[in-house]
């Protein structure tokens, strides 16, 4: 199942300026973050929680950022 992370990516760029800076803040390699954003590898619950804290995403907005299905 593929998810659409375009809104999440927009928030990453807005807050950090690049995926590289955000991946560093998350403690992930750029490759790991890229695989997650391209739905090749899933996000762990702890990673979602950390990303929300770093990006100031409200708990009620988590589904919008992490669980929007990609339309094919």
Protein backbone atom coordinates (compact mmCIF):
# COMPACT_ATOMS: atom_id res chain seq x y z
CA UNK A 1 0.00 0.00 0.00
CA UNK A 2 1.51 3.32 -1.08
CA UNK A 3 0.98 6.53 0.81
CA UNK A 4 1.11 10.10 -0.50
CA UNK A 5 3.70 11.99 1.54
CA UNK A 6 3.62 15.18 -0.58
CA UNK A 7 2.11 17.23 2.25
CA UNK A 8 4.74 15.88 4.66
CA UNK A 9 7.51 16.70 2.19
CA UNK A 10 6.16 20.24 1.86
CA UNK A 11 6.26 20.63 5.64
CA UNK A 12 9.83 19.28 5.75
CA UNK A 13 10.98 21.84 3.16
CA UNK A 14 9.06 24.62 4.94
CA UNK A 15 10.66 23.88 8.33
CA UNK A 16 14.11 22.52 7.41
CA UNK A 17 14.79 23.68 3.86
CA UNK A 18 15.86 20.22 2.66
CA UNK A 19 15.34 16.50 3.20
CA UNK A 20 19.02 16.22 4.17
CA UNK A 21 18.71 18.60 7.13
CA UNK A 22 15.51 16.93 8.29
CA UNK A 23 16.98 13.43 8.01
CA UNK A 24 19.85 14.59 10.23
CA UNK A 25 17.42 15.93 12.83
CA UNK A 26 15.54 12.63 12.70
CA UNK A 27 18.73 10.60 13.11
CA UNK A 28 18.17 8.88 9.75
CA UNK A 29 20.34 8.67 6.67
CA UNK A 30 19.14 10.58 3.62
CA UNK A 31 18.57 7.23 1.89
CA UNK A 32 16.40 5.93 4.74
CA UNK A 33 14.24 9.05 4.67
CA UNK A 34 13.96 8.88 0.88
CA UNK A 35 12.83 5.24 1.02
CA UNK A 36 10.17 6.16 3.57
CA UNK A 37 8.91 9.17 1.59
CA UNK A 38 8.69 7.00 -1.54
CA UNK A 39 6.67 4.28 0.27
CA UNK A 40 9.42 1.68 -0.16
CA UNK A 41 9.85 1.35 3.63
CA UNK A 42 7.25 2.19 6.26
CA UNK A 43 7.55 4.74 9.04
CA UNK A 44 7.79 3.31 12.57
CA UNK A 45 5.45 4.74 15.21
CA UNK A 46 8.40 6.27 17.05
CA UNK A 47 9.55 7.97 13.83
CA UNK A 48 6.09 9.41 13.22
CA UNK A 49 6.03 10.78 16.78
CA UNK A 50 9.51 12.32 16.41
CA UNK A 51 8.69 13.82 13.00
CA UNK A 52 5.52 15.38 14.39
CA UNK A 53 7.48 16.96 17.23
CA UNK A 54 10.19 18.31 14.91
CA UNK A 55 7.69 19.60 12.33
CA UNK A 56 5.08 20.93 14.80
CA UNK A 57 2.37 18.63 13.44
CA UNK A 58 -0.63 18.29 15.75
CA UNK A 59 -1.68 14.79 16.78
CA UNK A 60 -5.03 15.31 15.08
CA UNK A 61 -3.24 16.04 11.77
CA UNK A 62 -1.16 12.83 11.73
CA UNK A 63 -3.52 10.95 9.33
CA UNK A 64 -3.37 13.84 6.85
CA UNK A 65 0.45 13.76 6.75
CA UNK A 66 1.18 10.04 7.14
CA UNK A 67 -1.85 8.01 6.03
CA UNK A 68 -3.19 9.61 2.86
CA UNK A 69 -3.37 6.89 0.21
CA UNK A 70 -1.66 7.59 -3.09
CA UNK A 71 -4.11 7.75 -5.98
CA UNK A 72 -2.83 5.69 -8.90
